[in-house]
Protein backbone atom coordinates (compact mmCIF):
# COMPACT_ATOMS: atom_id res chain seq x y z
CA MET A 1 3.68 -20.00 -10.53
CA ASP A 2 1.13 -17.94 -12.42
CA LYS A 3 -0.54 -15.43 -10.09
CA ALA A 4 -4.05 -16.36 -11.29
CA ILE A 5 -3.40 -20.04 -10.59
CA GLN A 6 -1.98 -19.15 -7.18
CA GLU A 7 -5.12 -17.14 -6.36
CA GLU A 8 -7.38 -19.98 -7.54
CA LEU A 9 -5.49 -22.39 -5.34
CA LYS A 10 -5.83 -20.11 -2.33
CA ALA A 11 -9.56 -19.72 -3.01
CA HIS A 12 -9.89 -23.50 -3.21
CA LEU A 13 -8.02 -23.93 0.07
CA MET A 14 -10.22 -21.28 1.71
CA GLN A 15 -13.23 -23.45 0.85
CA THR A 16 -11.75 -26.86 1.60
CA ASN A 17 -9.06 -26.46 4.28
CA GLU A 18 -10.17 -25.30 7.72
CA THR A 19 -6.61 -24.64 8.90
CA PHE A 20 -5.84 -22.48 5.86
CA ARG A 21 -9.13 -20.60 6.31
CA ASP A 22 -8.34 -19.93 9.99
CA LEU A 23 -4.84 -18.69 9.15
CA MET A 24 -6.18 -16.41 6.41
CA THR A 25 -8.87 -15.01 8.73
CA ARG A 26 -6.35 -14.25 11.46
CA HIS A 27 -3.98 -12.71 8.87
CA HIS A 28 -6.75 -10.35 7.74
CA GLU A 29 -7.59 -9.46 11.34
CA TYR A 30 -3.96 -8.61 12.11
CA ASP A 31 -3.71 -6.67 8.85
CA ALA A 32 -6.70 -4.54 9.85
CA LEU A 33 -5.13 -3.86 13.25
CA VAL A 34 -1.83 -2.85 11.62
CA GLU A 35 -3.67 -0.54 9.22
CA THR A 36 -5.44 1.10 12.16
CA LEU A 37 -2.12 1.72 13.88
CA GLU A 38 -0.46 2.95 10.68
CA SER A 39 -3.28 5.44 10.11
CA LYS A 40 -2.39 7.29 13.31
CA PRO A 41 -0.20 10.36 12.91
CA THR A 42 2.10 9.20 15.72
CA LEU A 43 2.35 6.05 17.77
CA SER A 44 3.13 5.65 21.45
CA ALA A 45 5.97 3.33 22.38
CA ASP A 46 3.45 0.61 23.27
CA GLU A 47 1.67 1.06 19.93
CA GLU A 48 4.97 0.77 18.06
CA ILE A 49 5.73 -2.47 19.91
CA GLU A 50 2.24 -3.76 19.13
CA GLU A 51 2.60 -2.82 15.45
CA HIS A 52 5.90 -4.71 15.28
CA ARG A 53 4.39 -7.72 17.06
CA LEU A 54 1.40 -7.82 14.71
CA LYS A 55 3.62 -7.61 11.64
CA LYS A 56 5.68 -10.55 12.91
CA LEU A 57 2.51 -12.55 13.53
CA LYS A 58 1.27 -11.74 10.03
CA LEU A 59 4.54 -13.01 8.55
CA GLN A 60 4.32 -16.22 10.57
CA LEU A 61 0.77 -16.79 9.35
CA LYS A 62 1.79 -16.07 5.77
CA ASP A 63 4.62 -18.60 6.05
CA GLN A 64 2.19 -21.21 7.40
CA MET A 65 -0.26 -20.51 4.56
CA GLU A 66 2.50 -20.79 1.97
CA GLN A 67 3.53 -24.11 3.50
CA ILE A 68 -0.03 -25.43 3.11
CA VAL A 69 -0.12 -24.22 -0.51
CA SER A 70 3.22 -25.92 -1.23
CA GLU A 71 2.11 -29.18 0.36
CA TYR A 72 -1.15 -29.11 -1.58
CA ARG A 73 0.72 -28.52 -4.85
CA LEU A 74 3.06 -31.43 -4.13
CA GLN A 75 0.19 -33.76 -3.30
CA HIS A 76 -1.77 -32.78 -6.42
CA ALA A 77 1.07 -32.46 -8.91
CA GLY A 78 0.22 -34.26 -12.11
């Protein structure tokens, strides 16, 4: 799918789909936390575990968002 169309679809879902909006918001929050951890010169063992946990959560959220996009495309296919 064209990247511009994909971005338009995501923007539309952000405005119209509360679940998608919540997933995207949480994804951005986790991303910011990961960036904070990655900006440190060294991480403690607990921080490394937390970084790994956050990355897994981000992937799960991304998968859920992609599922919503796919379902929307199927429902609105012309």
